[in-house]
Amino acid sequence: MSSVGVLLDGVFQGNATINPARADVCAVERVPGCPFFGFSRVIDPGVANLAPGPHELPLRAVNAKGGRCFPPSRCGLR
């Protein structure tokens, strides 16, 4: 992945951090690329003005070759 955009209830919250260190996962799972893989994004519920209840959290992913996957489509990026 070259970028992962995070939306909350249709509002863009920012891009996720790509390939954060995850030594906790690597300690118990065998994952290619350990400890750097996946993505991470913190959303402060107070800042996002979230009410109790269900919410949608879609992602917009772009791979290194420019391939895109935006909701509501289902796709695999390689």
N, C-alpha and C. Protein backbone atom coordinates (compact mmCIF):
# COMPACT_ATOMS: atom_id res chain seq x y z
N MET A 1 0.83 -1.17 0.00
CA MET A 1 0.00 0.00 0.00
C MET A 1 0.87 1.24 0.00
N SER A 2 0.43 2.21 -0.77
CA SER A 2 1.12 3.50 -0.71
C SER A 2 0.32 4.50 0.11
N SER A 3 -1.01 4.31 0.19
CA SER A 3 -1.80 5.15 1.08
C SER A 3 -3.12 4.46 1.42
N VAL A 4 -3.61 4.76 2.60
CA VAL A 4 -4.91 4.28 3.06
C VAL A 4 -5.63 5.47 3.69
N GLY A 5 -6.68 5.93 3.04
CA GLY A 5 -7.48 7.02 3.57
C GLY A 5 -8.61 6.45 4.42
N VAL A 6 -8.88 7.09 5.53
CA VAL A 6 -9.90 6.62 6.47
C VAL A 6 -11.07 7.60 6.48
N LEU A 7 -12.26 7.06 6.30
CA LEU A 7 -13.48 7.86 6.37
C LEU A 7 -14.31 7.38 7.55
N LEU A 8 -15.05 8.27 8.14
CA LEU A 8 -15.96 7.91 9.23
C LEU A 8 -17.30 8.54 8.92
N ASP A 9 -18.29 7.69 8.68
CA ASP A 9 -19.63 8.15 8.31
C ASP A 9 -19.57 9.10 7.11
N GLY A 10 -18.70 8.78 6.14
CA GLY A 10 -18.60 9.56 4.92
C GLY A 10 -17.71 10.78 4.99
N VAL A 11 -17.11 11.05 6.14
CA VAL A 11 -16.25 12.22 6.31
C VAL A 11 -14.79 11.76 6.40
N PHE A 12 -13.95 12.30 5.51
CA PHE A 12 -12.54 11.95 5.49
C PHE A 12 -11.88 12.35 6.81
N GLN A 13 -11.19 11.39 7.44
CA GLN A 13 -10.53 11.63 8.72
C GLN A 13 -9.02 11.78 8.59
N GLY A 14 -8.50 11.49 7.41
CA GLY A 14 -7.06 11.57 7.20
C GLY A 14 -6.52 10.25 6.70
N ASN A 15 -5.23 10.24 6.39
CA ASN A 15 -4.57 9.02 5.93
C ASN A 15 -4.01 8.25 7.10
N ALA A 16 -4.03 6.95 6.96
CA ALA A 16 -3.46 6.07 7.98
C ALA A 16 -1.94 6.05 7.85
N THR A 17 -1.27 5.71 8.93
CA THR A 17 0.17 5.47 8.90
C THR A 17 0.37 4.09 8.30
N ILE A 18 1.21 4.00 7.27
CA ILE A 18 1.46 2.75 6.58
C ILE A 18 2.64 2.03 7.21
N ASN A 19 2.49 0.73 7.40
CA ASN A 19 3.53 -0.16 7.92
C ASN A 19 4.11 0.26 9.27
N PRO A 20 3.25 0.50 10.26
CA PRO A 20 3.78 0.79 11.59
C PRO A 20 4.42 -0.47 12.18
N ALA A 21 5.31 -0.29 13.12
CA ALA A 21 5.94 -1.43 13.79
C ALA A 21 4.91 -2.15 14.66
N ARG A 22 4.79 -3.46 14.49
CA ARG A 22 3.83 -4.27 15.26
C ARG A 22 4.53 -5.48 15.88
N ALA A 23 5.48 -5.20 16.75
CA ALA A 23 6.20 -6.28 17.43
C ALA A 23 5.26 -7.15 18.25
N ASP A 24 4.16 -6.58 18.76
CA ASP A 24 3.19 -7.36 19.54
C ASP A 24 2.58 -8.48 18.71
N VAL A 25 2.24 -8.19 17.47
CA VAL A 25 1.66 -9.20 16.59
C VAL A 25 2.73 -10.21 16.19
N CYS A 26 3.91 -9.72 15.86
CA CYS A 26 4.98 -10.61 15.42
C CYS A 26 5.43 -11.58 16.51
N ALA A 27 5.21 -11.22 17.76
CA ALA A 27 5.57 -12.10 18.87
C ALA A 27 4.70 -13.35 18.91
N VAL A 28 3.49 -13.27 18.36
CA VAL A 28 2.58 -14.42 18.43
C VAL A 28 2.16 -14.97 17.07
N GLU A 29 2.41 -14.22 16.00
CA GLU A 29 2.03 -14.65 14.65
C GLU A 29 3.22 -14.52 13.71
N ARG A 30 3.25 -15.40 12.74
CA ARG A 30 4.29 -15.30 11.72
C ARG A 30 3.71 -14.53 10.54
N VAL A 31 4.13 -13.28 10.39
CA VAL A 31 3.59 -12.40 9.36
C VAL A 31 4.73 -11.90 8.48
N PRO A 32 4.61 -12.04 7.14
CA PRO A 32 5.65 -11.51 6.26
C PRO A 32 5.81 -10.01 6.48
N GLY A 33 7.06 -9.56 6.54
CA GLY A 33 7.34 -8.14 6.72
C GLY A 33 7.47 -7.71 8.16
N CYS A 34 7.31 -8.65 9.12
CA CYS A 34 7.40 -8.28 10.53
C CYS A 34 8.71 -7.56 10.81
N PRO A 35 8.64 -6.54 11.64
CA PRO A 35 7.48 -6.05 12.38
C PRO A 35 6.75 -4.92 11.68
N PHE A 36 7.10 -4.62 10.42
CA PHE A 36 6.50 -3.48 9.74
C PHE A 36 5.47 -3.94 8.70
N PHE A 37 4.18 -3.81 9.02
CA PHE A 37 3.12 -4.21 8.10
C PHE A 37 1.81 -3.58 8.53
N GLY A 38 0.84 -3.56 7.63
CA GLY A 38 -0.49 -3.07 7.96
C GLY A 38 -0.58 -1.55 7.93
N PHE A 39 -1.54 -1.04 8.66
CA PHE A 39 -1.74 0.40 8.75
C PHE A 39 -2.42 0.73 10.06
N SER A 40 -2.35 2.00 10.44
CA SER A 40 -2.90 2.45 11.72
C SER A 40 -3.42 3.87 11.59
N ARG A 41 -4.56 4.14 12.24
CA ARG A 41 -5.11 5.50 12.29
C ARG A 41 -5.93 5.63 13.57
N VAL A 42 -5.66 6.65 14.35
CA VAL A 42 -6.41 6.92 15.58
C VAL A 42 -7.45 8.00 15.27
N ILE A 43 -8.68 7.74 15.70
CA ILE A 43 -9.75 8.72 15.55
C ILE A 43 -10.27 9.06 16.94
N ASP A 44 -10.17 10.29 17.32
CA ASP A 44 -10.66 10.75 18.63
C ASP A 44 -12.17 10.94 18.53
N PRO A 45 -12.96 10.16 19.29
CA PRO A 45 -14.42 10.26 19.20
C PRO A 45 -14.95 11.65 19.54
N GLY A 46 -14.29 12.36 20.43
CA GLY A 46 -14.73 13.71 20.78
C GLY A 46 -14.52 14.68 19.65
N VAL A 47 -13.37 14.60 19.01
CA VAL A 47 -13.06 15.49 17.89
C VAL A 47 -13.94 15.14 16.69
N ALA A 48 -14.20 13.84 16.48
CA ALA A 48 -15.03 13.40 15.36
C ALA A 48 -16.51 13.62 15.63
N ASN A 49 -16.85 14.06 16.84
CA ASN A 49 -18.24 14.34 17.22
C ASN A 49 -19.14 13.12 17.04
N LEU A 50 -18.70 11.98 17.57
CA LEU A 50 -19.43 10.73 17.42
C LEU A 50 -20.54 10.58 18.45
N ALA A 51 -21.70 10.20 17.98
CA ALA A 51 -22.81 9.84 18.86
C ALA A 51 -22.73 8.34 19.12
N PRO A 52 -23.28 7.87 20.24
CA PRO A 52 -23.33 6.43 20.48
C PRO A 52 -24.10 5.72 19.35
N GLY A 53 -23.68 4.51 19.04
CA GLY A 53 -24.36 3.72 18.02
C GLY A 53 -23.43 3.30 16.92
N PRO A 54 -23.98 2.63 15.90
CA PRO A 54 -23.15 2.11 14.82
C PRO A 54 -22.66 3.22 13.89
N HIS A 55 -21.50 2.99 13.31
CA HIS A 55 -20.89 3.94 12.38
C HIS A 55 -20.23 3.18 11.24
N GLU A 56 -20.07 3.82 10.10
CA GLU A 56 -19.37 3.24 8.96
C GLU A 56 -17.93 3.73 8.96
N LEU A 57 -17.00 2.82 8.69
CA LEU A 57 -15.59 3.14 8.67
C LEU A 57 -14.95 2.56 7.41
N PRO A 58 -15.28 3.12 6.25
CA PRO A 58 -14.67 2.61 5.02
C PRO A 58 -13.25 3.12 4.83
N LEU A 59 -12.49 2.40 4.02
CA LEU A 59 -11.11 2.77 3.72
C LEU A 59 -10.95 3.00 2.23
N ARG A 60 -10.07 3.91 1.85
CA ARG A 60 -9.71 4.14 0.45
C ARG A 60 -8.24 3.76 0.30
N ALA A 61 -7.98 2.66 -0.35
CA ALA A 61 -6.62 2.15 -0.46
C ALA A 61 -6.06 2.39 -1.86
N VAL A 62 -4.77 2.74 -1.90
CA VAL A 62 -4.04 2.91 -3.16
C VAL A 62 -2.74 2.13 -3.03
N ASN A 63 -2.46 1.28 -4.04
CA ASN A 63 -1.22 0.52 -3.98
C ASN A 63 -0.08 1.26 -4.67
N ALA A 64 1.12 0.72 -4.60
CA ALA A 64 2.31 1.39 -5.14
C ALA A 64 2.23 1.58 -6.65
N LYS A 65 1.44 0.79 -7.34
CA LYS A 65 1.29 0.91 -8.79
C LYS A 65 0.16 1.86 -9.17
N GLY A 66 -0.49 2.47 -8.19
CA GLY A 66 -1.58 3.39 -8.46
C GLY A 66 -2.95 2.74 -8.51
N GLY A 67 -3.02 1.41 -8.28
CA GLY A 67 -4.31 0.73 -8.22
C GLY A 67 -5.11 1.24 -7.04
N ARG A 68 -6.39 1.45 -7.25
CA ARG A 68 -7.23 2.04 -6.21
C ARG A 68 -8.40 1.13 -5.85
N CYS A 69 -8.78 1.19 -4.60
CA CYS A 69 -9.95 0.46 -4.10
C CYS A 69 -10.71 1.41 -3.19
N PHE A 70 -11.85 1.88 -3.66
CA PHE A 70 -12.67 2.80 -2.88
C PHE A 70 -14.00 2.15 -2.58
N PRO A 71 -14.57 2.41 -1.41
CA PRO A 71 -15.88 1.86 -1.10
C PRO A 71 -16.93 2.43 -2.03
N PRO A 72 -17.99 1.74 -2.28
CA PRO A 72 -18.39 0.47 -1.66
C PRO A 72 -17.90 -0.75 -2.42
N SER A 73 -16.96 -0.61 -3.35
CA SER A 73 -16.51 -1.76 -4.11
C SER A 73 -15.68 -2.71 -3.25
N ARG A 74 -15.69 -3.95 -3.67
CA ARG A 74 -14.83 -4.95 -3.03
C ARG A 74 -13.73 -5.28 -4.02
N CYS A 75 -12.50 -5.17 -3.59
CA CYS A 75 -11.41 -5.44 -4.51
C CYS A 75 -10.18 -5.88 -3.74
N GLY A 76 -9.31 -6.53 -4.45
CA GLY A 76 -8.02 -6.93 -3.89
C GLY A 76 -6.92 -6.15 -4.60
N LEU A 77 -6.07 -5.52 -3.86
CA LEU A 77 -4.96 -4.76 -4.44
C LEU A 77 -3.71 -5.59 -4.36
N ARG A 78 -3.00 -5.66 -5.46
CA ARG A 78 -1.74 -6.42 -5.49
C ARG A 78 -0.60 -5.54 -5.88
